[in-house]
């Protein structure tokens, strides 16, 4: 009986590993998307800061 379940256990393990790999790949893609979004946000914030600094220096001049 143990011999019969052994290949099944190996197959389940293989499938589980494949699912984990897929999940890791999906997480990697999500992380890449988050990084890209944050880069855009950072860039927009930098622009706003420069505009505010410019506006502030114009007011104090």
C-alpha atoms as a PDB file:
ATOM      1  CA  UNK A   1       0.000   0.000   0.000  1.00  0.00           C
ATOM      2  CA  UNK A   2       2.855   2.352   0.805  1.00  0.00           C
ATOM      3  CA  UNK A   3       4.255   1.817  -2.680  1.00  0.00           C
ATOM      4  CA  UNK A   4       0.989   2.928  -4.264  1.00  0.00           C
ATOM      5  CA  UNK A   5       0.711   6.128  -2.244  1.00  0.00           C
ATOM      6  CA  UNK A   6       4.375   7.064  -2.697  1.00  0.00           C
ATOM      7  CA  UNK A   7       4.039   8.088  -6.372  1.00  0.00           C
ATOM      8  CA  UNK A   8       0.831   9.917  -5.490  1.00  0.00           C
ATOM      9  CA  UNK A   9       2.612  11.794  -2.699  1.00  0.00           C
ATOM     10  CA  UNK A  10       5.425  12.677  -5.095  1.00  0.00           C
ATOM     11  CA  UNK A  11       2.900  13.900  -7.658  1.00  0.00           C
ATOM     12  CA  UNK A  12       1.113  15.984  -5.025  1.00  0.00           C
ATOM     13  CA  UNK A  13       4.436  17.418  -3.922  1.00  0.00           C
ATOM     14  CA  UNK A  14       5.350  18.242  -7.526  1.00  0.00           C
ATOM     15  CA  UNK A  15       1.998  19.942  -8.061  1.00  0.00           C
ATOM     16  CA  UNK A  16       2.349  21.841  -4.787  1.00  0.00           C
ATOM     17  CA  UNK A  17       5.810  23.019  -5.812  1.00  0.00           C
ATOM     18  CA  UNK A  18       4.473  24.122  -9.182  1.00  0.00           C
ATOM     19  CA  UNK A  19       1.678  26.042  -7.463  1.00  0.00           C
ATOM     20  CA  UNK A  20       4.199  27.681  -5.147  1.00  0.00           C
ATOM     21  CA  UNK A  21       6.299  28.687  -8.131  1.00  0.00           C
ATOM     22  CA  UNK A  22       3.266  30.173  -9.846  1.00  0.00           C
ATOM     23  CA  UNK A  23       2.381  32.036  -6.654  1.00  0.00           C
ATOM     24  CA  UNK A  24       5.942  33.341  -6.363  1.00  0.00           C
ATOM     25  CA  UNK A  25       5.872  34.451  -9.987  1.00  0.00           C
ATOM     26  CA  UNK A  26       2.588  36.265  -9.401  1.00  0.00           C
ATOM     27  CA  UNK A  27       3.992  37.950  -6.295  1.00  0.00           C
ATOM     28  CA  UNK A  28       7.045  39.012  -8.252  1.00  0.00           C
ATOM     29  CA  UNK A  29       4.837  40.573 -10.909  1.00  0.00           C
ATOM     30  CA  UNK A  30       2.785  42.368  -8.234  1.00  0.00           C
ATOM     31  CA  UNK A  31       5.947  43.674  -6.594  1.00  0.00           C
ATOM     32  CA  UNK A  32       7.208  44.952  -9.927  1.00  0.00           C
ATOM     33  CA  UNK A  33       3.892  46.746 -10.455  1.00  0.00           C
ATOM     34  CA  UNK A  34       4.054  48.281  -6.978  1.00  0.00           C
ATOM     35  CA  UNK A  35       7.615  49.438  -7.606  1.00  0.00           C
ATOM     36  CA  UNK A  36       6.601  51.053 -10.889  1.00  0.00           C
ATOM     37  CA  UNK A  37       3.625  52.786  -9.260  1.00  0.00           C
ATOM     38  CA  UNK A  38       5.826  54.046  -6.429  1.00  0.00           C
ATOM     39  CA  UNK A  39       8.406  55.351  -8.887  1.00  0.00           C
ATOM     40  CA  UNK A  40       5.703  57.340 -10.648  1.00  0.00           C
ATOM     41  CA  UNK A  41       4.364  58.646  -7.315  1.00  0.00           C
ATOM     42  CA  UNK A  42       7.851  59.614  -6.207  1.00  0.00           C
ATOM     43  CA  UNK A  43       8.435  61.426  -9.464  1.00  0.00           C
ATOM     44  CA  UNK A  44       5.145  63.307  -9.104  1.00  0.00           C
ATOM     45  CA  UNK A  45       5.993  64.240  -5.529  1.00  0.00           C
ATOM     46  CA  UNK A  46       9.376  65.528  -6.642  1.00  0.00           C
ATOM     47  CA  UNK A  47       7.681  67.750  -9.211  1.00  0.00           C
ATOM     48  CA  UNK A  48       5.267  69.091  -6.601  1.00  0.00           C
ATOM     49  CA  UNK A  49       8.101  69.825  -4.182  1.00  0.00           C
ATOM     50  CA  UNK A  50      10.013  71.711  -6.876  1.00  0.00           C
ATOM     51  CA  UNK A  51       6.917  73.748  -7.719  1.00  0.00           C
ATOM     52  CA  UNK A  52       6.307  74.528  -4.054  1.00  0.00           C
ATOM     53  CA  UNK A  53       9.934  75.510  -3.541  1.00  0.00           C
ATOM     54  CA  UNK A  54       9.773  77.712  -6.595  1.00  0.00           C
ATOM     55  CA  UNK A  55       6.518  79.271  -5.428  1.00  0.00           C
ATOM     56  CA  UNK A  56       7.972  79.837  -1.951  1.00  0.00           C
ATOM     57  CA  UNK A  57      11.138  81.450  -3.279  1.00  0.00           C
ATOM     58  CA  UNK A  58       9.039  83.717  -5.535  1.00  0.00           C
ATOM     59  CA  UNK A  59       6.992  84.821  -2.530  1.00  0.00           C
ATOM     60  CA  UNK A  60       9.996  85.585  -0.387  1.00  0.00           C
ATOM     61  CA  UNK A  61      11.814  87.450  -3.155  1.00  0.00           C
END
